[in-house]
Amino acid sequence: MIGFLKNVLIHMFEMFKLNFIITYIGLQFIHVAKGIFLFQHNYIVKILEQFEMNNYDKFQTPMVEGIHFMFEVGTKEVNQILYEQMVGSFIFLTHT
């Protein structure tokens, strides 16, 4: 059955070889006898480089806990689109 499906897909989509997937949308897959391991190192590096965060130091908690932020007159506005892209990328990372 699997062999038949492979042949149909090869002819239908002009595919050459149907082996185990190694990388897909930035995710890395390692196939072992007990299952498949998923690594996201390349995707994480890509996100950090995209938002110019790849040279920051590591922290257990990246900010002081319990701090309250207040708006100050004259402060620079945050780029909302960039912020939403960052948050979306990290949410995708945590869900995959």
Protein backbone atom coordinates (compact mmCIF):
# COMPACT_ATOMS: atom_id res chain seq x y z
CA MET A 1 0.00 0.00 0.00
CA ILE A 2 2.77 2.47 0.92
CA GLY A 3 4.70 1.56 -2.22
CA PHE A 4 1.62 2.22 -4.35
CA LEU A 5 1.08 5.60 -2.69
CA LYS A 6 4.72 6.56 -3.26
CA ASN A 7 4.41 5.73 -6.96
CA VAL A 8 1.22 7.77 -7.31
CA LEU A 9 2.81 10.79 -5.58
CA ILE A 10 6.00 10.49 -7.62
CA HIS A 11 4.06 10.57 -10.90
CA MET A 12 1.47 13.14 -9.83
CA PHE A 13 3.92 15.72 -8.43
CA GLU A 14 7.06 14.78 -10.39
CA MET A 15 8.83 13.77 -7.20
CA PHE A 16 12.12 11.93 -7.30
CA LYS A 17 12.76 10.37 -3.91
CA LEU A 18 10.49 9.94 -0.90
CA ASN A 19 12.79 9.53 2.10
CA PHE A 20 12.50 10.65 5.68
CA ILE A 21 12.16 14.40 6.08
CA ILE A 22 15.18 16.11 7.60
CA THR A 23 14.20 19.80 7.59
CA TYR A 24 10.90 21.56 7.01
CA ILE A 25 10.03 25.25 7.59
CA GLY A 26 13.10 25.68 9.77
CA LEU A 27 12.45 22.61 11.89
CA GLN A 28 14.93 19.74 11.98
CA PHE A 29 13.84 16.11 12.31
CA ILE A 30 15.98 13.19 13.45
CA HIS A 31 14.55 9.72 12.88
CA VAL A 32 15.53 7.02 15.37
CA ALA A 33 14.17 3.59 16.20
CA LYS A 34 11.96 4.90 19.03
CA GLY A 35 10.45 7.78 17.05
CA ILE A 36 11.20 11.23 15.71
CA PHE A 37 13.03 14.02 17.52
CA LEU A 38 12.20 17.62 16.61
CA PHE A 39 14.83 20.35 16.92
CA GLN A 40 14.16 24.06 16.44
CA HIS A 41 17.68 25.47 16.75
CA ASN A 42 17.80 26.88 13.20
CA TYR A 43 14.36 28.50 13.57
CA ILE A 44 15.34 30.07 16.90
CA VAL A 45 18.58 31.45 15.44
CA LYS A 46 16.64 32.82 12.45
CA ILE A 47 14.15 34.61 14.73
CA LEU A 48 16.90 36.09 16.90
CA GLU A 49 18.81 37.32 13.84
CA GLN A 50 15.68 38.73 12.21
CA PHE A 51 14.92 40.88 15.25
CA GLU A 52 18.61 41.65 15.95
CA MET A 53 18.53 39.83 19.29
CA ASN A 54 21.28 37.28 18.63
CA ASN A 55 23.99 39.06 20.66
CA TYR A 56 22.11 39.34 23.95
CA ASP A 57 23.17 37.58 27.14
CA LYS A 58 21.04 34.81 28.62
CA PHE A 59 18.96 35.40 31.75
CA GLN A 60 16.72 33.15 33.78
CA THR A 61 14.13 35.96 33.92
CA PRO A 62 14.78 38.72 31.38
CA MET A 63 13.38 41.48 33.61
CA VAL A 64 12.81 42.42 37.21
CA GLU A 65 9.76 40.64 38.60
CA GLY A 66 6.85 42.68 39.94
CA ILE A 67 7.87 45.92 38.24
CA HIS A 68 5.09 48.27 37.10
CA PHE A 69 5.58 50.24 33.90
CA MET A 70 4.14 53.68 33.38
CA PHE A 71 3.93 55.82 30.27
CA GLU A 72 6.23 58.83 30.33
CA VAL A 73 5.66 61.91 28.20
CA GLY A 74 8.31 62.27 25.52
CA THR A 75 9.22 58.57 25.29
CA LYS A 76 9.71 56.97 21.91
CA GLU A 77 6.75 54.98 20.55
CA VAL A 78 7.10 51.24 20.07
CA ASN A 79 6.83 49.88 16.53
CA GLN A 80 3.60 47.91 16.91
CA ILE A 81 4.06 45.86 13.72
CA LEU A 82 7.58 44.78 14.73
CA TYR A 83 6.32 43.91 18.22
CA GLU A 84 3.47 41.80 16.81
CA GLN A 85 5.90 39.99 14.47
CA MET A 86 8.19 39.17 17.39
CA VAL A 87 5.38 37.94 19.62
CA GLY A 88 3.86 35.91 16.76
CA SER A 89 7.20 34.26 15.99
CA PHE A 90 7.75 33.29 19.61
CA ILE A 91 4.18 32.01 19.98
CA PHE A 92 4.68 29.84 16.88
CA LEU A 93 7.92 28.59 18.41
CA THR A 94 6.19 27.52 21.62
CA HIS A 95 3.37 25.75 19.76
CA THR A 96 5.57 23.62 17.51
